Full PDB file with SEQRES, HELIX, SHEET, SSBOND, CRYST1, ORIGX, SCALE, CONECT and MASTER records, all heavy atoms in Angstrom:
SEQRES   1 A   32  ALA PHE GLN VAL PRO THR GLN ALA ARG VAL ILE LEU ARG          
SEQRES   2 A   32  ALA SER GLY ARG ALA LEU VAL GLN CYS GLY LEU GLN ASP          
SEQRES   3 A   32  ILE GLY THR GLY THR SER                                      
SHEET    1 AA1 2 ARG A   9  LEU A  12  0                                        
SHEET    2 AA1 2 ALA A  18  GLN A  21 -1                                        
CRYST1    1.000    1.000    1.000  90.00  90.00  90.00 P 1           1          
ORIGX1      1.000000  0.000000  0.000000        0.00000                         
ORIGX2      0.000000  1.000000  0.000000        0.00000                         
ORIGX3      0.000000  0.000000  1.000000        0.00000                         
SCALE1      1.000000  0.000000  0.000000        0.00000                         
SCALE2      0.000000  1.000000  0.000000        0.00000                         
SCALE3      0.000000  0.000000  1.000000        0.00000                         
ATOM      1  N   ALA A   1     136.108 163.578 367.508  1.00  0.00           N  
ATOM      2  CA  ALA A   1     134.976 163.803 366.601  1.00  0.00           C  
ATOM      3  C   ALA A   1     135.007 162.721 365.533  1.00  0.00           C  
ATOM      4  O   ALA A   1     136.063 162.410 364.977  1.00  0.00           O  
ATOM      5  CB  ALA A   1     135.054 165.183 365.966  1.00  0.00           C  
ATOM      6  N   PHE A   2     133.842 162.148 365.269  1.00  0.00           N  
ATOM      7  CA  PHE A   2     133.737 161.055 364.300  1.00  0.00           C  
ATOM      8  C   PHE A   2     132.549 161.297 363.372  1.00  0.00           C  
ATOM      9  O   PHE A   2     131.561 161.928 363.739  1.00  0.00           O  
ATOM     10  CB  PHE A   2     133.481 159.706 364.996  1.00  0.00           C  
ATOM     11  CG  PHE A   2     134.504 159.299 366.000  1.00  0.00           C  
ATOM     12  CD1 PHE A   2     134.279 159.506 367.348  1.00  0.00           C  
ATOM     13  CD2 PHE A   2     135.677 158.684 365.609  1.00  0.00           C  
ATOM     14  CE1 PHE A   2     135.200 159.110 368.292  1.00  0.00           C  
ATOM     15  CE2 PHE A   2     136.607 158.287 366.536  1.00  0.00           C  
ATOM     16  CZ  PHE A   2     136.387 158.499 367.882  1.00  0.00           C  
ATOM     17  N   GLN A   3     132.666 160.748 362.185  1.00  0.00           N  
ATOM     18  CA  GLN A   3     131.501 160.484 361.346  1.00  0.00           C  
ATOM     19  C   GLN A   3     131.591 159.016 360.968  1.00  0.00           C  
ATOM     20  O   GLN A   3     132.538 158.600 360.299  1.00  0.00           O  
ATOM     21  CB  GLN A   3     131.469 161.340 360.090  1.00  0.00           C  
ATOM     22  CG  GLN A   3     130.243 161.068 359.213  1.00  0.00           C  
ATOM     23  CD  GLN A   3     130.311 161.769 357.880  1.00  0.00           C  
ATOM     24  OE1 GLN A   3     130.854 162.858 357.775  1.00  0.00           O  
ATOM     25  NE2 GLN A   3     129.782 161.131 356.845  1.00  0.00           N  
ATOM     26  N   VAL A   4     130.628 158.209 361.392  1.00  0.00           N  
ATOM     27  CA  VAL A   4     130.684 156.767 361.171  1.00  0.00           C  
ATOM     28  C   VAL A   4     129.615 156.367 360.172  1.00  0.00           C  
ATOM     29  O   VAL A   4     128.638 157.081 359.949  1.00  0.00           O  
ATOM     30  CB  VAL A   4     130.508 155.998 362.497  1.00  0.00           C  
ATOM     31  CG1 VAL A   4     131.568 156.410 363.504  1.00  0.00           C  
ATOM     32  CG2 VAL A   4     129.126 156.218 363.086  1.00  0.00           C  
ATOM     33  N   PRO A   5     129.765 155.204 359.524  1.00  0.00           N  
ATOM     34  CA  PRO A   5     128.791 154.783 358.504  1.00  0.00           C  
ATOM     35  C   PRO A   5     127.371 154.710 359.080  1.00  0.00           C  
ATOM     36  O   PRO A   5     127.153 154.203 360.177  1.00  0.00           O  
ATOM     37  CB  PRO A   5     129.291 153.395 358.099  1.00  0.00           C  
ATOM     38  CG  PRO A   5     130.742 153.390 358.441  1.00  0.00           C  
ATOM     39  CD  PRO A   5     130.872 154.246 359.671  1.00  0.00           C  
ATOM     40  N   THR A   6     126.436 155.217 358.312  1.00  0.00           N  
ATOM     41  CA  THR A   6     125.022 155.225 358.711  1.00  0.00           C  
ATOM     42  C   THR A   6     124.160 155.152 357.456  1.00  0.00           C  
ATOM     43  O   THR A   6     124.511 155.736 356.432  1.00  0.00           O  
ATOM     44  CB  THR A   6     124.684 156.501 359.505  1.00  0.00           C  
ATOM     45  OG1 THR A   6     125.560 156.620 360.622  1.00  0.00           O  
ATOM     46  CG2 THR A   6     123.244 156.482 360.003  1.00  0.00           C  
ATOM     47  N   GLN A   7     123.039 154.446 357.566  1.00  0.00           N  
ATOM     48  CA  GLN A   7     122.085 154.392 356.462  1.00  0.00           C  
ATOM     49  C   GLN A   7     120.754 154.971 356.926  1.00  0.00           C  
ATOM     50  O   GLN A   7     120.401 154.898 358.097  1.00  0.00           O  
ATOM     51  CB  GLN A   7     121.887 152.950 355.988  1.00  0.00           C  
ATOM     52  CG  GLN A   7     123.132 152.315 355.388  1.00  0.00           C  
ATOM     53  CD  GLN A   7     122.886 150.922 354.873  1.00  0.00           C  
ATOM     54  OE1 GLN A   7     121.773 150.561 354.523  1.00  0.00           O  
ATOM     55  NE2 GLN A   7     123.942 150.119 354.827  1.00  0.00           N  
ATOM     56  N   ALA A   8     120.029 155.516 355.973  1.00  0.00           N  
ATOM     57  CA  ALA A   8     118.710 156.091 356.292  1.00  0.00           C  
ATOM     58  C   ALA A   8     117.788 155.929 355.093  1.00  0.00           C  
ATOM     59  O   ALA A   8     118.228 155.781 353.949  1.00  0.00           O  
ATOM     60  CB  ALA A   8     118.846 157.553 356.677  1.00  0.00           C  
ATOM     61  N   ARG A   9     116.486 155.981 355.381  1.00  0.00           N  
ATOM     62  CA  ARG A   9     115.450 155.926 354.352  1.00  0.00           C  
ATOM     63  C   ARG A   9     114.503 157.111 354.552  1.00  0.00           C  
ATOM     64  O   ARG A   9     114.120 157.411 355.696  1.00  0.00           O  
ATOM     65  CB  ARG A   9     114.677 154.618 354.461  1.00  0.00           C  
ATOM     66  CG  ARG A   9     113.497 154.493 353.471  1.00  0.00           C  
ATOM     67  CD  ARG A   9     112.636 153.270 353.764  1.00  0.00           C  
ATOM     68  NE  ARG A   9     113.385 152.039 353.626  1.00  0.00           N  
ATOM     69  CZ  ARG A   9     113.550 151.154 354.608  1.00  0.00           C  
ATOM     70  NH1 ARG A   9     113.008 151.359 355.799  1.00  0.00           N  
ATOM     71  NH2 ARG A   9     114.251 150.053 354.421  1.00  0.00           N  
ATOM     72  N   VAL A  10     114.159 157.772 353.462  1.00  0.00           N  
ATOM     73  CA  VAL A  10     113.192 158.879 353.504  1.00  0.00           C  
ATOM     74  C   VAL A  10     112.139 158.618 352.446  1.00  0.00           C  
ATOM     75  O   VAL A  10     112.468 158.308 351.286  1.00  0.00           O  
ATOM     76  CB  VAL A  10     113.874 160.233 353.262  1.00  0.00           C  
ATOM     77  CG1 VAL A  10     112.830 161.343 353.118  1.00  0.00           C  
ATOM     78  CG2 VAL A  10     114.847 160.560 354.397  1.00  0.00           C  
ATOM     79  N   ILE A  11     110.871 158.743 352.822  1.00  0.00           N  
ATOM     80  CA  ILE A  11     109.758 158.572 351.893  1.00  0.00           C  
ATOM     81  C   ILE A  11     108.909 159.836 351.928  1.00  0.00           C  
ATOM     82  O   ILE A  11     108.388 160.219 352.980  1.00  0.00           O  
ATOM     83  CB  ILE A  11     108.886 157.355 352.265  1.00  0.00           C  
ATOM     84  CG1 ILE A  11     109.742 156.080 352.361  1.00  0.00           C  
ATOM     85  CG2 ILE A  11     107.771 157.163 351.234  1.00  0.00           C  
ATOM     86  CD1 ILE A  11     108.979 154.866 352.865  1.00  0.00           C  
ATOM     87  N   LEU A  12     108.801 160.493 350.768  1.00  0.00           N  
ATOM     88  CA  LEU A  12     107.878 161.609 350.611  1.00  0.00           C  
ATOM     89  C   LEU A  12     106.546 161.009 350.177  1.00  0.00           C  
ATOM     90  O   LEU A  12     106.445 160.391 349.112  1.00  0.00           O  
ATOM     91  CB  LEU A  12     108.411 162.587 349.568  1.00  0.00           C  
ATOM     92  CG  LEU A  12     109.803 163.177 349.863  1.00  0.00           C  
ATOM     93  CD1 LEU A  12     110.277 164.034 348.701  1.00  0.00           C  
ATOM     94  CD2 LEU A  12     109.784 163.954 351.168  1.00  0.00           C  
ATOM     95  N   ARG A  13     105.523 161.188 350.996  1.00  0.00           N  
ATOM     96  CA  ARG A  13     104.287 160.414 350.834  1.00  0.00           C  
ATOM     97  C   ARG A  13     103.182 161.236 350.182  1.00  0.00           C  
ATOM     98  O   ARG A  13     103.163 162.476 350.240  1.00  0.00           O  
ATOM     99  CB  ARG A  13     103.839 159.896 352.193  1.00  0.00           C  
ATOM    100  CG  ARG A  13     104.972 159.215 352.956  1.00  0.00           C  
ATOM    101  CD  ARG A  13     104.572 158.754 354.317  1.00  0.00           C  
ATOM    102  NE  ARG A  13     103.991 157.406 354.271  1.00  0.00           N  
ATOM    103  CZ  ARG A  13     103.819 156.641 355.342  1.00  0.00           C  
ATOM    104  NH1 ARG A  13     104.184 157.074 356.525  1.00  0.00           N  
ATOM    105  NH2 ARG A  13     103.302 155.446 355.220  1.00  0.00           N  
ATOM    106  N   ALA A  14     102.247 160.489 349.583  1.00  0.00           N  
ATOM    107  CA  ALA A  14     101.124 161.138 348.901  1.00  0.00           C  
ATOM    108  C   ALA A  14     100.241 161.925 349.867  1.00  0.00           C  
ATOM    109  O   ALA A  14      99.466 162.794 349.436  1.00  0.00           O  
ATOM    110  CB  ALA A  14     100.286 160.089 348.172  1.00  0.00           C  
ATOM    111  N   SER A  15     100.334 161.654 351.133  1.00  0.00           N  
ATOM    112  CA  SER A  15      99.573 162.392 352.140  1.00  0.00           C  
ATOM    113  C   SER A  15     100.143 163.787 352.386  1.00  0.00           C  
ATOM    114  O   SER A  15      99.553 164.571 353.138  1.00  0.00           O  
ATOM    115  CB  SER A  15      99.567 161.612 353.450  1.00  0.00           C  
ATOM    116  OG  SER A  15     100.900 161.468 353.948  1.00  0.00           O  
ATOM    117  N   GLY A  16     101.284 164.069 351.792  1.00  0.00           N  
ATOM    118  CA  GLY A  16     101.929 165.344 352.033  1.00  0.00           C  
ATOM    119  C   GLY A  16     102.885 165.310 353.202  1.00  0.00           C  
ATOM    120  O   GLY A  16     103.429 166.358 353.592  1.00  0.00           O  
ATOM    121  N   ARG A  17     103.114 164.140 353.745  1.00  0.00           N  
ATOM    122  CA  ARG A  17     104.021 163.985 354.878  1.00  0.00           C  
ATOM    123  C   ARG A  17     105.313 163.320 354.407  1.00  0.00           C  
ATOM    124  O   ARG A  17     105.390 162.762 353.304  1.00  0.00           O  
ATOM    125  CB  ARG A  17     103.372 163.138 355.979  1.00  0.00           C  
ATOM    126  CG  ARG A  17     102.016 163.662 356.454  1.00  0.00           C  
ATOM    127  CD  ARG A  17     101.468 162.836 357.590  1.00  0.00           C  
ATOM    128  NE  ARG A  17     102.282 162.945 358.783  1.00  0.00           N  
ATOM    129  CZ  ARG A  17     102.220 163.940 359.667  1.00  0.00           C  
ATOM    130  NH1 ARG A  17     101.347 164.922 359.469  1.00  0.00           N  
ATOM    131  NH2 ARG A  17     102.984 163.972 360.724  1.00  0.00           N  
ATOM    132  N   ALA A  18     106.317 163.375 355.261  1.00  0.00           N  
ATOM    133  CA  ALA A  18     107.574 162.680 355.009  1.00  0.00           C  
ATOM    134  C   ALA A  18     107.819 161.707 356.155  1.00  0.00           C  
ATOM    135  O   ALA A  18     107.545 162.010 357.319  1.00  0.00           O  
ATOM    136  CB  ALA A  18     108.732 163.669 354.908  1.00  0.00           C  
ATOM    137  N   LEU A  19     108.328 160.537 355.807  1.00  0.00           N  
ATOM    138  CA  LEU A  19     108.683 159.516 356.782  1.00  0.00           C  
ATOM    139  C   LEU A  19     110.184 159.288 356.704  1.00  0.00           C  
ATOM    140  O   LEU A  19     110.735 159.080 355.621  1.00  0.00           O  
ATOM    141  CB  LEU A  19     107.941 158.204 356.511  1.00  0.00           C  
ATOM    142  CG  LEU A  19     108.377 156.990 357.327  1.00  0.00           C  
ATOM    143  CD1 LEU A  19     108.067 157.193 358.812  1.00  0.00           C  
ATOM    144  CD2 LEU A  19     107.720 155.722 356.806  1.00  0.00           C  
ATOM    145  N   VAL A  20     110.844 159.322 357.864  1.00  0.00           N  
ATOM    146  CA  VAL A  20     112.279 159.059 357.950  1.00  0.00           C  
ATOM    147  C   VAL A  20     112.484 157.850 358.851  1.00  0.00           C  
ATOM    148  O   VAL A  20     111.911 157.785 359.951  1.00  0.00           O  
ATOM    149  CB  VAL A  20     113.056 160.249 358.546  1.00  0.00           C  
ATOM    150  CG1 VAL A  20     114.545 160.103 358.295  1.00  0.00           C  
ATOM    151  CG2 VAL A  20     112.541 161.561 358.022  1.00  0.00           C  
ATOM    152  N   GLN A  21     113.304 156.915 358.399  1.00  0.00           N  
ATOM    153  CA  GLN A  21     113.619 155.729 359.193  1.00  0.00           C  
ATOM    154  C   GLN A  21     115.119 155.503 359.242  1.00  0.00           C  
ATOM    155  O   GLN A  21     115.802 155.611 358.217  1.00  0.00           O  
ATOM    156  CB  GLN A  21     112.939 154.488 358.619  1.00  0.00           C  
ATOM    157  CG  GLN A  21     111.420 154.505 358.697  1.00  0.00           C  
ATOM    158  CD  GLN A  21     110.794 153.278 358.084  1.00  0.00           C  
ATOM    159  OE1 GLN A  21     111.275 152.755 357.081  1.00  0.00           O  
ATOM    160  NE2 GLN A  21     109.712 152.803 358.674  1.00  0.00           N  
ATOM    161  N   CYS A  22     115.610 155.198 360.437  1.00  0.00           N  
ATOM    162  CA  CYS A  22     117.026 154.882 360.614  1.00  0.00           C  
ATOM    163  C   CYS A  22     117.175 154.021 361.847  1.00  0.00           C  
ATOM    164  O   CYS A  22     116.537 154.286 362.881  1.00  0.00           O  
ATOM    165  CB  CYS A  22     117.857 156.157 360.740  1.00  0.00           C  
ATOM    166  SG  CYS A  22     119.641 155.852 360.941  1.00  0.00           S  
ATOM    167  N   GLY A  23     118.004 153.009 361.755  1.00  0.00           N  
ATOM    168  CA  GLY A  23     118.192 152.078 362.864  1.00  0.00           C  
ATOM    169  C   GLY A  23     119.197 152.552 363.879  1.00  0.00           C  
ATOM    170  O   GLY A  23     120.049 151.776 364.330  1.00  0.00           O  
ATOM    171  N   LEU A  24     119.136 153.830 364.222  1.00  0.00           N  
ATOM    172  CA  LEU A  24     119.850 154.286 365.409  1.00  0.00           C  
ATOM    173  C   LEU A  24     118.833 154.775 366.424  1.00  0.00           C  
ATOM    174  O   LEU A  24     117.630 154.650 366.206  1.00  0.00           O  
ATOM    175  CB  LEU A  24     120.910 155.334 365.071  1.00  0.00           C  
ATOM    176  CG  LEU A  24     120.562 156.564 364.241  1.00  0.00           C  
ATOM    177  CD1 LEU A  24     119.687 157.533 364.975  1.00  0.00           C  
ATOM    178  CD2 LEU A  24     121.841 157.263 363.798  1.00  0.00           C  
ATOM    179  N   GLN A  25     119.279 155.323 367.525  1.00  0.00           N  
ATOM    180  CA  GLN A  25     118.407 155.573 368.666  1.00  0.00           C  
ATOM    181  C   GLN A  25     118.465 157.038 369.079  1.00  0.00           C  
ATOM    182  O   GLN A  25     119.491 157.692 368.909  1.00  0.00           O  
ATOM    183  CB  GLN A  25     118.842 154.724 369.878  1.00  0.00           C  
ATOM    184  CG  GLN A  25     119.029 153.261 369.611  1.00  0.00           C  
ATOM    185  CD  GLN A  25     120.209 152.926 368.721  1.00  0.00           C  
ATOM    186  OE1 GLN A  25     120.113 152.023 367.913  1.00  0.00           O  
ATOM    187  NE2 GLN A  25     121.326 153.634 368.841  1.00  0.00           N  
ATOM    188  N   ASP A  26     117.377 157.514 369.628  1.00  0.00           N  
ATOM    189  CA  ASP A  26     117.387 158.804 370.320  1.00  0.00           C  
ATOM    190  C   ASP A  26     117.382 158.488 371.809  1.00  0.00           C  
ATOM    191  O   ASP A  26     116.381 158.055 372.372  1.00  0.00           O  
ATOM    192  CB  ASP A  26     116.162 159.640 369.949  1.00  0.00           C  
ATOM    193  CG  ASP A  26     116.239 161.055 370.512  1.00  0.00           C  
ATOM    194  OD1 ASP A  26     116.940 161.253 371.526  1.00  0.00           O  
ATOM    195  OD2 ASP A  26     115.612 161.964 369.942  1.00  0.00           O  
ATOM    196  N   ILE A  27     118.537 158.659 372.440  1.00  0.00           N  
ATOM    197  CA  ILE A  27     118.667 158.267 373.849  1.00  0.00           C  
ATOM    198  C   ILE A  27     118.295 159.414 374.795  1.00  0.00           C  
ATOM    199  O   ILE A  27     118.666 159.398 375.969  1.00  0.00           O  
ATOM    200  CB  ILE A  27     120.089 157.753 374.149  1.00  0.00           C  
ATOM    201  CG1 ILE A  27     121.144 158.816 373.819  1.00  0.00           C  
ATOM    202  CG2 ILE A  27     120.367 156.481 373.370  1.00  0.00           C  
ATOM    203  CD1 ILE A  27     122.568 158.419 374.193  1.00  0.00           C  
ATOM    204  N   GLY A  28     117.545 160.371 374.243  1.00  0.00           N  
ATOM    205  CA  GLY A  28     117.139 161.524 375.043  1.00  0.00           C  
ATOM    206  C   GLY A  28     117.912 162.775 374.712  1.00  0.00           C  
ATOM    207  O   GLY A  28     117.741 163.808 375.355  1.00  0.00           O  
ATOM    208  N   THR A  29     118.779 162.715 373.685  1.00  0.00           N  
ATOM    209  CA  THR A  29     119.660 163.830 373.357  1.00  0.00           C  
ATOM    210  C   THR A  29     119.107 164.744 372.289  1.00  0.00           C  
ATOM    211  O   THR A  29     119.701 165.788 372.007  1.00  0.00           O  
ATOM    212  CB  THR A  29     121.024 163.293 372.905  1.00  0.00           C  
ATOM    213  OG1 THR A  29     120.824 162.379 371.812  1.00  0.00           O  
ATOM    214  CG2 THR A  29     121.719 162.542 374.026  1.00  0.00           C  
ATOM    215  N   GLY A  30     118.015 164.346 371.631  1.00  0.00           N  
ATOM    216  CA  GLY A  30     117.427 165.177 370.604  1.00  0.00           C  
ATOM    217  C   GLY A  30     117.730 164.741 369.184  1.00  0.00           C  
ATOM    218  O   GLY A  30     117.567 165.519 368.239  1.00  0.00           O  
ATOM    219  N   THR A  31     118.140 163.485 368.994  1.00  0.00           N  
ATOM    220  CA  THR A  31     118.472 162.989 367.656  1.00  0.00           C  
ATOM    221  C   THR A  31     117.273 163.068 366.722  1.00  0.00           C  
ATOM    222  O   THR A  31     117.404 163.436 365.549  1.00  0.00           O  
ATOM    223  CB  THR A  31     118.987 161.544 367.738  1.00  0.00           C  
ATOM    224  OG1 THR A  31     120.142 161.505 368.572  1.00  0.00           O  
ATOM    225  CG2 THR A  31     119.341 161.007 366.364  1.00  0.00           C  
ATOM    226  N   SER A  32     116.085 162.723 367.213  1.00  0.00           N  
ATOM    227  CA  SER A  32     114.896 162.760 366.365  1.00  0.00           C  
ATOM    228  C   SER A  32     114.660 164.168 365.808  1.00  0.00           C  
ATOM    229  O   SER A  32     114.265 164.337 364.643  1.00  0.00           O  
ATOM    230  CB  SER A  32     113.666 162.306 367.168  1.00  0.00           C  
ATOM    231  OG  SER A  32     113.801 160.973 367.589  1.00  0.00           O  
TER     232      SER A  32                                                      
MASTER        0    0    0    0    2    0    0    6  231    1    0    3          
END                                                                             
């Protein structure tokens, strides 16, 4: 079991939505 360094960005937007960005991948496992 690991926890490795990761960075992320979250923007709460005026539209009432949230945007999340991270330079890792969802390889079909449900990460998103």
